[in-house]
């Protein structure tokens, strides 16, 4: 999927940078993270890998549908 310029989308894919973002957040295991603009879910995956509860919001319906399908495959909630 290509980024929609009208929505200001930029997809972060570098795993090292994603890990550094989560490290900087320094989440506690009981934290709930609100992710605005989940995009393709790269950061979401890093957060979930740490056992966090994530509420991901995505305005782009194409991406939201893709994220919902992946959640269903994993058996996670919407």
C-alpha atoms as a PDB file:
ATOM      1  CA  UNK A   1       0.000   0.000   0.000  1.00  0.00           C
ATOM      2  CA  UNK A   2       1.283   3.436  -0.838  1.00  0.00           C
ATOM      3  CA  UNK A   3       1.026   6.260   1.681  1.00  0.00           C
ATOM      4  CA  UNK A   4      -1.840   8.727   1.173  1.00  0.00           C
ATOM      5  CA  UNK A   5      -0.278  12.174   1.043  1.00  0.00           C
ATOM      6  CA  UNK A   6      -3.611  13.800   1.898  1.00  0.00           C
ATOM      7  CA  UNK A   7      -3.462  12.034   5.262  1.00  0.00           C
ATOM      8  CA  UNK A   8       0.219  12.833   5.819  1.00  0.00           C
ATOM      9  CA  UNK A   9       1.115   9.152   5.966  1.00  0.00           C
ATOM     10  CA  UNK A  10       4.674   7.923   6.372  1.00  0.00           C
ATOM     11  CA  UNK A  11       5.199   4.246   7.122  1.00  0.00           C
ATOM     12  CA  UNK A  12       7.985   3.492   9.576  1.00  0.00           C
ATOM     13  CA  UNK A  13       9.482   0.073   8.891  1.00  0.00           C
ATOM     14  CA  UNK A  14      12.954   0.102  10.440  1.00  0.00           C
ATOM     15  CA  UNK A  15      12.801  -2.451  13.282  1.00  0.00           C
ATOM     16  CA  UNK A  16      15.683  -0.786  15.148  1.00  0.00           C
ATOM     17  CA  UNK A  17      13.934   2.585  15.216  1.00  0.00           C
ATOM     18  CA  UNK A  18      10.647   0.964  16.244  1.00  0.00           C
ATOM     19  CA  UNK A  19      12.383  -0.785  19.160  1.00  0.00           C
ATOM     20  CA  UNK A  20      14.021   2.489  20.202  1.00  0.00           C
ATOM     21  CA  UNK A  21      10.632   4.213  20.220  1.00  0.00           C
ATOM     22  CA  UNK A  22       9.176   1.534  22.501  1.00  0.00           C
ATOM     23  CA  UNK A  23      12.308   1.616  24.685  1.00  0.00           C
ATOM     24  CA  UNK A  24      11.959   5.398  25.029  1.00  0.00           C
ATOM     25  CA  UNK A  25       8.324   4.947  26.003  1.00  0.00           C
ATOM     26  CA  UNK A  26       9.488   2.604  28.780  1.00  0.00           C
ATOM     27  CA  UNK A  27       6.047   1.036  29.237  1.00  0.00           C
ATOM     28  CA  UNK A  28       5.052  -0.861  32.363  1.00  0.00           C
ATOM     29  CA  UNK A  29       3.459  -4.277  31.741  1.00  0.00           C
ATOM     30  CA  UNK A  30       0.083  -2.987  32.937  1.00  0.00           C
ATOM     31  CA  UNK A  31       0.082   0.094  30.673  1.00  0.00           C
ATOM     32  CA  UNK A  32      -2.484   0.572  27.941  1.00  0.00           C
ATOM     33  CA  UNK A  33      -1.047   2.323  24.892  1.00  0.00           C
ATOM     34  CA  UNK A  34      -3.181   4.475  22.599  1.00  0.00           C
ATOM     35  CA  UNK A  35      -1.651   4.528  19.129  1.00  0.00           C
ATOM     36  CA  UNK A  36      -3.039   7.211  16.827  1.00  0.00           C
ATOM     37  CA  UNK A  37      -2.425   6.459  13.158  1.00  0.00           C
ATOM     38  CA  UNK A  38      -1.474   2.799  13.418  1.00  0.00           C
ATOM     39  CA  UNK A  39      -0.785   2.591   9.680  1.00  0.00           C
ATOM     40  CA  UNK A  40       0.470  -0.850   8.730  1.00  0.00           C
ATOM     41  CA  UNK A  41       0.852  -1.863  12.363  1.00  0.00           C
ATOM     42  CA  UNK A  42       4.653  -1.880  12.636  1.00  0.00           C
ATOM     43  CA  UNK A  43       4.737  -0.051  15.958  1.00  0.00           C
ATOM     44  CA  UNK A  44       1.639  -1.937  17.107  1.00  0.00           C
ATOM     45  CA  UNK A  45       3.493  -5.231  16.632  1.00  0.00           C
ATOM     46  CA  UNK A  46       6.446  -4.012  18.707  1.00  0.00           C
ATOM     47  CA  UNK A  47       4.111  -2.936  21.497  1.00  0.00           C
ATOM     48  CA  UNK A  48       2.180  -6.211  21.444  1.00  0.00           C
ATOM     49  CA  UNK A  49       5.443  -8.170  21.497  1.00  0.00           C
ATOM     50  CA  UNK A  50       6.123  -6.589  24.884  1.00  0.00           C
ATOM     51  CA  UNK A  51       2.792  -7.849  26.185  1.00  0.00           C
ATOM     52  CA  UNK A  52       1.118  -4.453  26.242  1.00  0.00           C
ATOM     53  CA  UNK A  53      -2.533  -3.766  25.593  1.00  0.00           C
ATOM     54  CA  UNK A  54      -2.786  -1.513  22.540  1.00  0.00           C
ATOM     55  CA  UNK A  55      -5.703   0.557  21.333  1.00  0.00           C
ATOM     56  CA  UNK A  56      -4.847   1.419  17.729  1.00  0.00           C
ATOM     57  CA  UNK A  57      -6.784   4.091  15.838  1.00  0.00           C
ATOM     58  CA  UNK A  58      -6.523   4.413  12.054  1.00  0.00           C
ATOM     59  CA  UNK A  59      -8.453   6.902   9.917  1.00  0.00           C
ATOM     60  CA  UNK A  60      -7.533   5.332   6.562  1.00  0.00           C
ATOM     61  CA  UNK A  61     -10.196   2.698   5.941  1.00  0.00           C
ATOM     62  CA  UNK A  62      -7.877   0.625   3.738  1.00  0.00           C
ATOM     63  CA  UNK A  63      -5.359   0.283   6.534  1.00  0.00           C
ATOM     64  CA  UNK A  64      -7.997  -0.152   9.238  1.00  0.00           C
ATOM     65  CA  UNK A  65      -9.496  -3.094   7.332  1.00  0.00           C
ATOM     66  CA  UNK A  66      -6.055  -4.670   6.943  1.00  0.00           C
ATOM     67  CA  UNK A  67      -5.311  -4.266  10.659  1.00  0.00           C
ATOM     68  CA  UNK A  68      -8.693  -5.749  11.570  1.00  0.00           C
ATOM     69  CA  UNK A  69      -8.013  -8.775   9.365  1.00  0.00           C
ATOM     70  CA  UNK A  70      -4.624  -9.338  11.024  1.00  0.00           C
ATOM     71  CA  UNK A  71      -6.188  -9.034  14.479  1.00  0.00           C
ATOM     72  CA  UNK A  72      -8.779 -11.650  13.534  1.00  0.00           C
ATOM     73  CA  UNK A  73      -6.032 -14.004  12.316  1.00  0.00           C
ATOM     74  CA  UNK A  74      -4.170 -13.590  15.630  1.00  0.00           C
ATOM     75  CA  UNK A  75      -7.355 -13.961  17.655  1.00  0.00           C
ATOM     76  CA  UNK A  76      -6.924 -10.550  19.263  1.00  0.00           C
ATOM     77  CA  UNK A  77      -9.755  -8.142  19.951  1.00  0.00           C
ATOM     78  CA  UNK A  78     -10.671  -5.321  17.588  1.00  0.00           C
END
